[in-house]
C-alpha atoms as a PDB file:
ATOM      1  CA  MET A   1     -42.721 -33.414 -12.206  1.00  0.00           C
ATOM      2  CA  GLU A   2     -42.474 -35.237  -8.842  1.00  0.00           C
ATOM      3  CA  GLU A   3     -46.265 -35.467  -8.654  1.00  0.00           C
ATOM      4  CA  ASP A   4     -46.365 -37.030 -12.138  1.00  0.00           C
ATOM      5  CA  LEU A   5     -43.762 -39.651 -11.225  1.00  0.00           C
ATOM      6  CA  LEU A   6     -45.570 -40.524  -8.015  1.00  0.00           C
ATOM      7  CA  ALA A   7     -49.066 -40.507  -9.559  1.00  0.00           C
ATOM      8  CA  LEU A   8     -48.947 -44.288  -9.952  1.00  0.00           C
ATOM      9  CA  SER A   9     -49.722 -45.959  -6.637  1.00  0.00           C
ATOM     10  CA  ARG A  10     -47.202 -48.764  -7.199  1.00  0.00           C
ATOM     11  CA  ARG A  11     -44.379 -46.291  -7.886  1.00  0.00           C
ATOM     12  CA  ARG A  12     -45.410 -44.181  -4.893  1.00  0.00           C
ATOM     13  CA  THR A  13     -45.319 -47.338  -2.714  1.00  0.00           C
ATOM     14  CA  ILE A  14     -41.771 -48.099  -3.905  1.00  0.00           C
ATOM     15  CA  TYR A  15     -40.686 -44.514  -3.255  1.00  0.00           C
ATOM     16  CA  GLU A  16     -42.210 -44.547   0.239  1.00  0.00           C
ATOM     17  CA  HIS A  17     -40.488 -47.853   0.997  1.00  0.00           C
ATOM     18  CA  ILE A  18     -37.116 -46.374   0.018  1.00  0.00           C
ATOM     19  CA  LEU A  19     -37.884 -43.276   2.085  1.00  0.00           C
ATOM     20  CA  ALA A  20     -38.655 -45.446   5.141  1.00  0.00           C
ATOM     21  CA  HIS A  21     -35.758 -47.868   4.522  1.00  0.00           C
ATOM     22  CA  PRO A  22     -32.777 -45.926   3.160  1.00  0.00           C
ATOM     23  CA  GLY A  23     -30.211 -48.200   1.551  1.00  0.00           C
ATOM     24  CA  THR A  24     -32.722 -50.887   0.698  1.00  0.00           C
ATOM     25  CA  TYR A  25     -31.798 -53.137  -2.191  1.00  0.00           C
ATOM     26  CA  ILE A  26     -33.867 -54.686  -4.936  1.00  0.00           C
ATOM     27  CA  ARG A  27     -34.305 -58.201  -3.495  1.00  0.00           C
ATOM     28  CA  GLU A  28     -35.325 -56.704  -0.181  1.00  0.00           C
ATOM     29  CA  MET A  29     -37.945 -54.556  -1.929  1.00  0.00           C
ATOM     30  CA  GLU A  30     -39.141 -57.449  -4.066  1.00  0.00           C
ATOM     31  CA  SER A  31     -39.883 -59.448  -0.933  1.00  0.00           C
ATOM     32  CA  ALA A  32     -41.250 -56.629   1.216  1.00  0.00           C
ATOM     33  CA  LEU A  33     -43.481 -55.122  -1.469  1.00  0.00           C
ATOM     34  CA  GLU A  34     -44.440 -58.407  -3.144  1.00  0.00           C
ATOM     35  CA  LEU A  35     -43.736 -57.058  -6.616  1.00  0.00           C
ATOM     36  CA  SER A  36     -42.302 -58.893  -9.591  1.00  0.00           C
ATOM     37  CA  MET A  37     -38.674 -58.152 -10.363  1.00  0.00           C
ATOM     38  CA  GLY A  38     -39.480 -56.713 -13.809  1.00  0.00           C
ATOM     39  CA  ASP A  39     -42.160 -54.396 -12.455  1.00  0.00           C
ATOM     40  CA  LEU A  40     -39.901 -53.233  -9.647  1.00  0.00           C
ATOM     41  CA  GLN A  41     -36.962 -52.610 -11.986  1.00  0.00           C
ATOM     42  CA  TYR A  42     -39.132 -50.600 -14.369  1.00  0.00           C
ATOM     43  CA  HIS A  43     -40.457 -48.294 -11.644  1.00  0.00           C
ATOM     44  CA  LEU A  44     -37.018 -47.899 -10.045  1.00  0.00           C
ATOM     45  CA  ARG A  45     -35.588 -46.801 -13.419  1.00  0.00           C
ATOM     46  CA  GLN A  46     -38.380 -44.230 -13.748  1.00  0.00           C
ATOM     47  CA  LEU A  47     -37.718 -42.902 -10.241  1.00  0.00           C
ATOM     48  CA  GLU A  48     -33.977 -42.703 -10.991  1.00  0.00           C
ATOM     49  CA  LYS A  49     -34.511 -40.940 -14.343  1.00  0.00           C
ATOM     50  CA  GLY A  50     -36.820 -38.471 -12.627  1.00  0.00           C
ATOM     51  CA  GLY A  51     -34.192 -37.713 -10.000  1.00  0.00           C
ATOM     52  CA  LEU A  52     -36.289 -38.855  -7.048  1.00  0.00           C
ATOM     53  CA  VAL A  53     -34.131 -41.877  -6.270  1.00  0.00           C
ATOM     54  CA  THR A  54     -30.386 -42.369  -6.339  1.00  0.00           C
ATOM     55  CA  THR A  55     -28.250 -45.451  -5.862  1.00  0.00           C
ATOM     56  CA  HIS A  56     -24.980 -46.586  -4.382  1.00  0.00           C
ATOM     57  CA  ASP A  57     -23.360 -49.624  -5.977  1.00  0.00           C
ATOM     58  CA  ASP A  58     -20.666 -51.236  -3.840  1.00  0.00           C
ATOM     59  CA  GLY A  59     -19.807 -53.769  -6.523  1.00  0.00           C
ATOM     60  CA  HIS A  60     -21.943 -56.463  -4.943  1.00  0.00           C
ATOM     61  CA  ARG A  61     -25.366 -54.870  -4.857  1.00  0.00           C
ATOM     62  CA  LYS A  62     -27.128 -51.629  -5.625  1.00  0.00           C
ATOM     63  CA  ASN A  63     -28.688 -49.798  -2.686  1.00  0.00           C
ATOM     64  CA  TYR A  64     -31.470 -47.258  -3.207  1.00  0.00           C
ATOM     65  CA  PHE A  65     -31.922 -43.904  -1.499  1.00  0.00           C
ATOM     66  CA  VAL A  66     -34.314 -41.017  -1.859  1.00  0.00           C
ATOM     67  CA  ALA A  67     -32.259 -38.329  -3.574  1.00  0.00           C
ATOM     68  CA  GLU A  68     -31.130 -35.529  -1.268  1.00  0.00           C
ATOM     69  CA  GLN A  69     -32.195 -37.519   1.828  1.00  0.00           C
ATOM     70  CA  VAL A  70     -28.857 -39.200   2.566  1.00  0.00           C
ATOM     71  CA  LYS A  71     -25.411 -37.631   2.084  1.00  0.00           C
ATOM     72  CA  LEU A  72     -23.047 -39.416  -0.301  1.00  0.00           C
ATOM     73  CA  ILE A  73     -20.643 -40.476   2.455  1.00  0.00           C
ATOM     74  CA  ASP A  74     -23.541 -41.839   4.520  1.00  0.00           C
ATOM     75  CA  ARG A  75     -24.804 -43.836   1.520  1.00  0.00           C
ATOM     76  CA  HIS A  76     -21.511 -45.685   1.468  1.00  0.00           C
ATOM     77  CA  VAL A  77     -21.682 -46.423   5.209  1.00  0.00           C
ATOM     78  CA  LEU A  78     -25.330 -47.498   4.999  1.00  0.00           C
ATOM     79  CA  SER A  79     -24.702 -49.748   2.012  1.00  0.00           C
ATOM     80  CA  THR A  80     -22.017 -51.561   3.991  1.00  0.00           C
ATOM     81  CA  MET A  81     -24.008 -51.635   7.212  1.00  0.00           C
ATOM     82  CA  LYS A  82     -26.981 -53.261   5.486  1.00  0.00           C
ATOM     83  CA  LEU A  83     -24.813 -56.392   5.335  1.00  0.00           C
ATOM     84  CA  LYS A  84     -24.934 -58.419   8.537  1.00  0.00           C
ATOM     85  CA  THR A  85     -21.277 -59.522   8.734  1.00  0.00           C
ATOM     86  CA  PRO A  86     -19.588 -56.120   8.278  1.00  0.00           C
ATOM     87  CA  ARG A  87     -22.218 -54.531  10.550  1.00  0.00           C
ATOM     88  CA  ARG A  88     -21.461 -56.968  13.369  1.00  0.00           C
ATOM     89  CA  ILE A  89     -17.701 -56.475  12.980  1.00  0.00           C
ATOM     90  CA  ILE A  90     -18.109 -52.677  13.092  1.00  0.00           C
ATOM     91  CA  ILE A  91     -20.335 -52.866  16.174  1.00  0.00           C
ATOM     92  CA  PHE A  92     -17.844 -55.172  17.897  1.00  0.00           C
ATOM     93  CA  LEU A  93     -14.967 -52.793  17.086  1.00  0.00           C
ATOM     94  CA  MET A  94     -16.894 -49.783  18.361  1.00  0.00           C
ATOM     95  CA  PHE A  95     -17.138 -51.426  21.772  1.00  0.00           C
ATOM     96  CA  ASN A  96     -13.693 -53.050  21.539  1.00  0.00           C
ATOM     97  CA  PRO A  97     -11.328 -50.671  19.731  1.00  0.00           C
ATOM     98  CA  ASP A  98      -7.799 -51.880  19.032  1.00  0.00           C
ATOM     99  CA  SER A  99      -8.892 -55.521  18.836  1.00  0.00           C
ATOM    100  CA  SER A 100      -6.575 -58.039  17.249  1.00  0.00           C
ATOM    101  CA  PHE A 101      -7.528 -60.428  14.470  1.00  0.00           C
ATOM    102  CA  LYS A 102      -7.637 -63.260  17.041  1.00  0.00           C
ATOM    103  CA  GLU A 103      -9.902 -61.284  19.361  1.00  0.00           C
ATOM    104  CA  ILE A 104     -12.320 -60.490  16.554  1.00  0.00           C
ATOM    105  CA  LEU A 105     -12.246 -64.075  15.311  1.00  0.00           C
ATOM    106  CA  ALA A 106     -13.036 -65.364  18.819  1.00  0.00           C
ATOM    107  CA  GLN A 107     -16.290 -63.347  18.839  1.00  0.00           C
ATOM    108  CA  PHE A 108     -17.707 -64.788  15.634  1.00  0.00           C
ATOM    109  CA  SER A 109     -18.092 -68.126  13.916  1.00  0.00           C
ATOM    110  CA  PHE A 110     -16.163 -67.031  10.827  1.00  0.00           C
ATOM    111  CA  THR A 111     -13.308 -68.857   9.217  1.00  0.00           C
ATOM    112  CA  LYS A 112      -9.995 -66.997   9.217  1.00  0.00           C
ATOM    113  CA  GLY A 113     -10.369 -66.477   5.474  1.00  0.00           C
ATOM    114  CA  ALA A 114     -13.875 -65.027   5.807  1.00  0.00           C
ATOM    115  CA  LEU A 115     -12.799 -62.613   8.535  1.00  0.00           C
ATOM    116  CA  SER A 116      -9.718 -61.615   6.560  1.00  0.00           C
ATOM    117  CA  TYR A 117     -11.906 -60.877   3.518  1.00  0.00           C
ATOM    118  CA  GLN A 118     -14.348 -58.770   5.556  1.00  0.00           C
ATOM    119  CA  LEU A 119     -11.571 -56.810   7.264  1.00  0.00           C
ATOM    120  CA  LYS A 120      -9.920 -56.090   3.899  1.00  0.00           C
ATOM    121  CA  ARG A 121     -13.232 -54.757   2.536  1.00  0.00           C
ATOM    122  CA  LEU A 122     -13.749 -52.563   5.598  1.00  0.00           C
ATOM    123  CA  LEU A 123     -10.154 -51.299   5.416  1.00  0.00           C
ATOM    124  CA  LYS A 124     -10.516 -50.510   1.709  1.00  0.00           C
ATOM    125  CA  SER A 125     -13.744 -48.630   2.400  1.00  0.00           C
ATOM    126  CA  GLY A 126     -11.991 -46.527   5.033  1.00  0.00           C
ATOM    127  CA  MET A 127     -14.484 -47.523   7.717  1.00  0.00           C
ATOM    128  CA  ILE A 128     -11.782 -49.150   9.847  1.00  0.00           C
ATOM    129  CA  VAL A 129      -8.046 -48.649  10.220  1.00  0.00           C
ATOM    130  CA  LYS A 130      -5.307 -51.117  10.965  1.00  0.00           C
ATOM    131  CA  GLY A 131      -2.486 -50.469  13.372  1.00  0.00           C
ATOM    132  CA  LYS A 132       0.193 -52.440  15.162  1.00  0.00           C
ATOM    133  CA  MET A 133       0.558 -53.311  18.808  1.00  0.00           C
ATOM    134  CA  GLU A 134       3.803 -55.175  19.348  1.00  0.00           C
ATOM    135  CA  ARG A 135       3.653 -57.882  16.661  1.00  0.00           C
ATOM    136  CA  GLU A 136      -0.105 -58.007  16.210  1.00  0.00           C
ATOM    137  CA  SER A 137      -2.333 -56.100  13.843  1.00  0.00           C
ATOM    138  CA  ILE A 138      -5.119 -54.271  15.616  1.00  0.00           C
ATOM    139  CA  TYR A 139      -8.278 -52.759  14.168  1.00  0.00           C
ATOM    140  CA  LYS A 140     -10.579 -49.915  15.102  1.00  0.00           C
ATOM    141  CA  VAL A 141     -13.391 -47.890  13.566  1.00  0.00           C
ATOM    142  CA  THR A 142     -12.074 -44.805  11.782  1.00  0.00           C
ATOM    143  CA  ASP A 143     -14.697 -42.318  12.969  1.00  0.00           C
ATOM    144  CA  GLU A 144     -16.824 -43.712  15.796  1.00  0.00           C
ATOM    145  CA  ASP A 145     -18.875 -40.535  16.159  1.00  0.00           C
ATOM    146  CA  HIS A 146     -19.862 -40.457  12.485  1.00  0.00           C
ATOM    147  CA  MET A 147     -20.530 -44.214  12.420  1.00  0.00           C
ATOM    148  CA  SER A 148     -22.744 -44.113  15.514  1.00  0.00           C
ATOM    149  CA  GLN A 149     -24.619 -41.094  14.132  1.00  0.00           C
ATOM    150  CA  VAL A 150     -25.338 -42.872  10.833  1.00  0.00           C
ATOM    151  CA  LEU A 151     -26.424 -46.054  12.617  1.00  0.00           C
ATOM    152  CA  MET A 152     -28.768 -44.170  14.933  1.00  0.00           C
ATOM    153  CA  THR A 153     -30.181 -41.914  12.222  1.00  0.00           C
ATOM    154  CA  TYR A 154     -30.936 -44.696   9.761  1.00  0.00           C
ATOM    155  CA  ARG A 155     -31.660 -47.601  12.099  1.00  0.00           C
ATOM    156  CA  SER A 156     -35.091 -48.091  10.469  1.00  0.00           C
ATOM    157  CA  GLY A 157     -33.327 -49.256   7.314  1.00  0.00           C
ATOM    158  CA  ILE A 158     -31.370 -51.897   9.236  1.00  0.00           C
ATOM    159  CA  MET A 159     -33.482 -54.312  11.200  1.00  0.00           C
ATOM    160  CA  ASP A 160     -31.145 -56.156  13.528  1.00  0.00           C
ATOM    161  CA  GLU A 161     -31.198 -57.055  17.203  1.00  0.00           C
ATOM    162  CA  ALA A 162     -27.432 -56.468  17.485  1.00  0.00           C
ATOM    163  CA  LEU A 163     -27.885 -52.944  16.115  1.00  0.00           C
ATOM    164  CA  ASP A 164     -30.734 -52.219  18.517  1.00  0.00           C
ATOM    165  CA  ASN A 165     -28.578 -53.425  21.436  1.00  0.00           C
ATOM    166  CA  PHE A 166     -25.679 -51.298  20.186  1.00  0.00           C
ATOM    167  CA  ILE A 167     -27.814 -48.154  19.982  1.00  0.00           C
ATOM    168  CA  ASP A 168     -29.282 -48.721  23.447  1.00  0.00           C
ATOM    169  CA  THR A 169     -25.843 -49.226  24.977  1.00  0.00           C
ATOM    170  CA  TRP A 170     -24.048 -46.530  22.945  1.00  0.00           C
ATOM    171  CA  THR A 171     -26.583 -43.854  23.894  1.00  0.00           C
ATOM    172  CA  LYS A 172     -26.198 -44.756  27.588  1.00  0.00           C
ATOM    173  CA  ILE A 173     -22.401 -44.476  27.545  1.00  0.00           C
ATOM    174  CA  GLY A 174     -22.226 -41.649  24.967  1.00  0.00           C
END
């Protein structure tokens, strides 16, 4: 069955792209593979129906994974980490646990509202936790070991200089 689904070179190319870039999303594939949206959607549906590809929909976009390649919990982390803003906040918090809202805000060029929105999303996802230190809210990554493992394992799916710097530094201190 798998051989039949991957007999078409275009579909095999899409599958191989997802294999090499876990958590990729449709616009990313459209650009990277230079395929029309309709063609890409058709082949993705066939790969999903055949059980070769699975998705994670975070409510904003659908990320694609080769079935059985990435654990469900890691799909959620990867889907979030594909987005630049949450990824940079997570990386900052991994190096600066128990940071206050003001400390996080000082590191980025976000508005207060934008940072508040991103922190709420990360809190809701369970990727960070909020605590109190005196009168200030502080934030930290829920499970640094799991987060660093996912980032290092699937770094090929996230092309980012900040992530590369994180991995280099984290492996030296870890």
